Amino acid sequence: MPKIKREIIEWVVLIVVFLGLYLTGMHTQVIGLIQRVVLAPGLIKPDILTKEEQLDVSYDFELMDAQGRTVSFENFRGKTVFLNLWATWCPPCIAEMPDINDLYAKMDSNDIAFVMISRDADFKKALNFKDKKGYDFPIYSAASRLPQVFQTNSIPTTYIISPLGKIVAKRKGMAKYDSEEFRFFLKNLKIKSG
């Protein structure tokens, strides 16, 4: 009888903890933190596409920047672009963000553009999240419908676009981006297209 009573108490405590995390909204942060630990060893990497798998990019859409200005994606033509679709309510997005910010800090903005597109319904929530976390990369909201090539039901989804306008790497789900191997890959895209 005492064993059953102890198990019931353990389950009640567990349920109260999970309910508390859910009701306070902290469950997303906690799950994201756990997933960040999974990313740390670098086993989950972006998928580099073969020439046959690469897709042409459509630059025909608009974004809204943090200041509320409309930005044409056409402005990024000819650059390597790290395009990431994410949301504040997405634990895997939260898990990979610190790593993406570290990558951003190490890359030359003249060579690579970071386009972090928030899928939050309220863009202010995304802006507040970025400020609270102290991330440096620019974030945007879609100001028009994304082209078919960027349509996905999965976030985070990341596309690496070469200066020649080809999707050369893609990842549905979280990944570790700030690695020597991946930084070399990104820098090499400019050399190959130049």
Protein backbone atom coordinates (compact mmCIF):
# COMPACT_ATOMS: atom_id res chain seq x y z
CA MET A 1 0.00 0.00 0.00
CA PRO A 2 2.75 2.59 0.80
CA LYS A 3 4.36 1.95 -2.64
CA ILE A 4 1.14 2.80 -4.47
CA LYS A 5 0.66 5.93 -2.32
CA ARG A 6 4.23 7.05 -3.11
CA GLU A 7 3.69 6.54 -6.85
CA ILE A 8 0.48 8.57 -6.75
CA ILE A 9 2.29 11.41 -4.95
CA GLU A 10 5.13 11.29 -7.52
CA TRP A 11 2.63 11.47 -10.40
CA VAL A 12 0.73 14.35 -8.78
CA VAL A 13 4.00 16.30 -8.29
CA LEU A 14 5.02 15.61 -11.90
CA ILE A 15 1.64 16.73 -13.23
CA VAL A 16 1.72 19.89 -11.08
CA VAL A 17 5.23 20.75 -12.37
CA PHE A 18 4.23 20.23 -16.02
CA LEU A 19 0.97 22.13 -15.53
CA GLY A 20 2.87 24.98 -13.85
CA LEU A 21 5.35 25.16 -16.74
CA TYR A 22 2.52 25.12 -19.27
CA LEU A 23 0.38 27.75 -17.54
CA THR A 24 3.32 30.12 -17.07
CA GLY A 25 4.45 29.63 -20.67
CA MET A 26 7.84 28.39 -19.52
CA HIS A 27 7.39 24.96 -21.11
CA THR A 28 8.66 26.26 -24.46
CA GLN A 29 11.83 27.64 -22.84
CA VAL A 30 12.46 24.44 -20.85
CA ILE A 31 11.95 22.18 -23.87
CA GLY A 32 14.17 24.51 -25.94
CA LEU A 33 16.90 24.30 -23.28
CA ILE A 34 16.77 20.50 -23.31
CA GLN A 35 16.97 20.48 -27.12
CA ARG A 36 19.94 22.89 -27.00
CA VAL A 37 21.81 20.23 -25.02
CA VAL A 38 21.02 17.77 -27.83
CA LEU A 39 22.45 20.21 -30.41
CA ALA A 40 25.67 20.90 -28.50
CA PRO A 41 27.70 17.92 -29.78
CA GLY A 42 27.07 18.99 -33.39
CA LEU A 43 25.54 15.72 -34.55
CA ILE A 44 22.51 17.40 -36.14
CA LYS A 45 23.81 19.33 -39.13
CA PRO A 46 22.26 21.16 -42.08
CA ASP A 47 21.76 19.09 -45.22
CA ILE A 48 24.07 20.13 -48.06
CA LEU A 49 22.30 19.53 -51.36
CA THR A 50 23.80 17.94 -54.44
CA LYS A 51 23.69 19.90 -57.73
CA GLU A 52 20.69 17.81 -58.79
CA GLU A 53 18.78 18.61 -55.57
CA GLN A 54 19.39 22.37 -55.67
CA LEU A 55 16.39 24.56 -56.43
CA ASP A 56 16.15 28.01 -58.01
CA VAL A 57 15.10 30.75 -55.62
CA SER A 58 12.30 33.21 -56.24
CA TYR A 59 13.21 36.65 -54.90
CA ASP A 60 9.66 37.87 -55.55
CA PHE A 61 8.40 38.61 -52.03
CA GLU A 62 8.56 41.27 -49.37
CA LEU A 63 9.55 41.37 -45.73
CA MET A 64 8.94 43.80 -42.90
CA ASP A 65 12.00 44.71 -40.81
CA ALA A 66 12.16 45.55 -37.09
CA GLN A 67 11.52 49.25 -37.84
CA GLY A 68 8.33 48.44 -39.77
CA ARG A 69 9.85 49.16 -43.18
CA THR A 70 9.09 46.99 -46.19
CA VAL A 71 12.16 45.24 -47.57
CA SER A 72 12.19 43.47 -50.92
CA PHE A 73 13.87 40.07 -50.80
CA GLU A 74 15.34 41.14 -54.15
CA ASN A 75 17.81 43.24 -52.08
CA PHE A 76 19.57 39.99 -51.11
CA ARG A 77 20.16 38.81 -54.68
CA GLY A 78 23.85 38.11 -55.34
CA LYS A 79 24.62 37.38 -51.66
CA THR A 80 24.79 34.18 -49.70
CA VAL A 81 21.61 34.13 -47.63
CA PHE A 82 20.96 32.25 -44.39
CA LEU A 83 17.13 32.20 -44.38
CA ASN A 84 15.50 30.76 -41.27
CA LEU A 85 11.78 30.39 -40.58
CA TRP A 86 11.11 30.35 -36.83
CA ALA A 87 8.67 31.32 -34.07
CA THR A 88 8.86 32.20 -30.38
CA TRP A 89 6.47 29.34 -29.50
CA CYS A 90 8.70 26.72 -31.19
CA PRO A 91 11.09 24.89 -28.79
CA PRO A 92 13.48 23.66 -31.54
CA CYS A 93 13.66 27.25 -32.86
CA ILE A 94 14.58 28.50 -29.42
CA ALA A 95 17.14 25.70 -29.08
CA GLU A 96 19.08 26.65 -32.22
CA MET A 97 18.89 30.45 -31.83
CA PRO A 98 22.00 30.93 -29.62
CA ASP A 99 24.05 28.90 -32.10
CA ILE A 100 22.71 30.92 -35.05
CA ASN A 101 23.54 34.15 -33.20
CA ASP A 102 27.10 32.87 -32.63
CA LEU A 103 27.38 32.07 -36.35
CA TYR A 104 26.06 35.53 -37.22
CA ALA A 105 28.71 37.15 -35.01
CA LYS A 106 31.50 35.26 -36.81
CA MET A 107 30.38 35.91 -40.39
CA ASP A 108 31.03 39.02 -42.50
CA SER A 109 27.73 40.75 -43.24
CA ASN A 110 29.17 41.86 -46.60
CA ASP A 111 29.37 38.21 -47.62
CA ILE A 112 26.28 36.69 -46.03
CA ALA A 113 22.84 38.03 -45.18
CA PHE A 114 20.89 36.57 -42.29
CA VAL A 115 17.15 36.65 -42.90
CA MET A 116 15.40 35.34 -39.81
CA ILE A 117 11.67 35.31 -40.66
CA SER A 118 9.38 35.11 -37.64
CA ARG A 119 6.18 33.14 -38.18
CA ASP A 120 4.61 34.61 -35.03
CA ALA A 121 1.18 36.15 -35.60
CA ASP A 122 2.31 39.15 -33.52
CA PHE A 123 5.67 40.41 -34.81
CA LYS A 124 6.12 42.52 -31.65
CA LYS A 125 6.33 39.30 -29.67
CA ALA A 126 9.25 38.19 -31.88
CA LEU A 127 10.96 41.58 -31.52
CA ASN A 128 10.60 41.47 -27.73
CA PHE A 129 11.94 37.90 -27.66
CA LYS A 130 15.00 38.91 -29.71
CA ASP A 131 15.69 41.90 -27.46
CA LYS A 132 15.18 39.90 -24.26
CA LYS A 133 17.64 37.24 -25.44
CA GLY A 134 20.16 39.81 -26.71
CA TYR A 135 20.41 38.35 -30.23
CA ASP A 136 22.16 40.51 -32.82
CA PHE A 137 20.88 39.07 -36.10
CA PRO A 138 18.12 40.93 -37.94
CA ILE A 139 14.61 39.52 -37.82
CA TYR A 140 11.79 40.03 -40.27
CA SER A 141 8.15 39.21 -40.75
CA ALA A 142 6.74 38.15 -44.10
CA ALA A 143 4.97 41.15 -45.66
CA SER A 144 3.72 39.07 -48.59
CA ARG A 145 3.20 35.40 -49.32
CA LEU A 146 6.44 33.41 -49.43
CA PRO A 147 7.21 31.79 -52.79
CA GLN A 148 6.41 28.10 -53.18
CA VAL A 149 10.08 27.13 -52.85
CA PHE A 150 10.01 28.38 -49.22
CA GLN A 151 6.62 26.90 -48.29
CA THR A 152 6.91 24.46 -45.38
CA ASN A 153 4.77 23.09 -42.59
CA SER A 154 7.82 22.61 -40.40
CA ILE A 155 9.67 25.14 -38.29
CA PRO A 156 12.42 25.79 -37.85
CA THR A 157 13.33 25.42 -41.49
CA THR A 158 16.56 26.89 -42.80
CA TYR A 159 17.59 27.51 -46.40
CA ILE A 160 21.08 28.48 -47.52
CA ILE A 161 20.93 30.39 -50.78
CA SER A 162 24.03 30.80 -52.91
CA PRO A 163 24.92 34.11 -54.58
CA LEU A 164 23.80 32.43 -57.82
CA GLY A 165 20.24 32.11 -56.48
CA LYS A 166 20.23 28.38 -55.70
CA ILE A 167 19.15 26.67 -52.49
CA VAL A 168 22.35 24.77 -51.72
CA ALA A 169 21.52 23.60 -48.19
CA LYS A 170 18.29 23.04 -46.35
CA ARG A 171 17.25 21.79 -42.94
CA LYS A 172 13.74 21.09 -41.65
CA GLY A 173 14.12 21.02 -37.89
CA MET A 174 16.87 22.28 -35.66
CA ALA A 175 20.57 21.96 -36.43
CA LYS A 176 23.98 23.09 -35.26
CA TYR A 177 25.20 25.82 -37.61
CA ASP A 178 28.13 27.40 -35.82
CA SER A 179 30.81 24.90 -36.71
CA GLU A 180 34.12 25.34 -38.49
CA GLU A 181 32.91 23.03 -41.26
CA PHE A 182 29.70 25.01 -41.88
CA ARG A 183 31.43 28.41 -41.70
CA PHE A 184 33.89 27.14 -44.34
CA PHE A 185 30.95 25.99 -46.49
CA LEU A 186 29.31 29.43 -46.28
CA LYS A 187 32.51 31.34 -47.05
CA ASN A 188 33.25 29.02 -49.94
CA LEU A 189 29.91 29.84 -51.63
CA LYS A 190 31.12 33.36 -52.42
CA ILE A 191 34.37 32.02 -53.86
CA LYS A 192 32.57 29.49 -56.07
CA SER A 193 30.18 32.08 -57.45
CA GLY A 194 32.73 34.88 -57.71
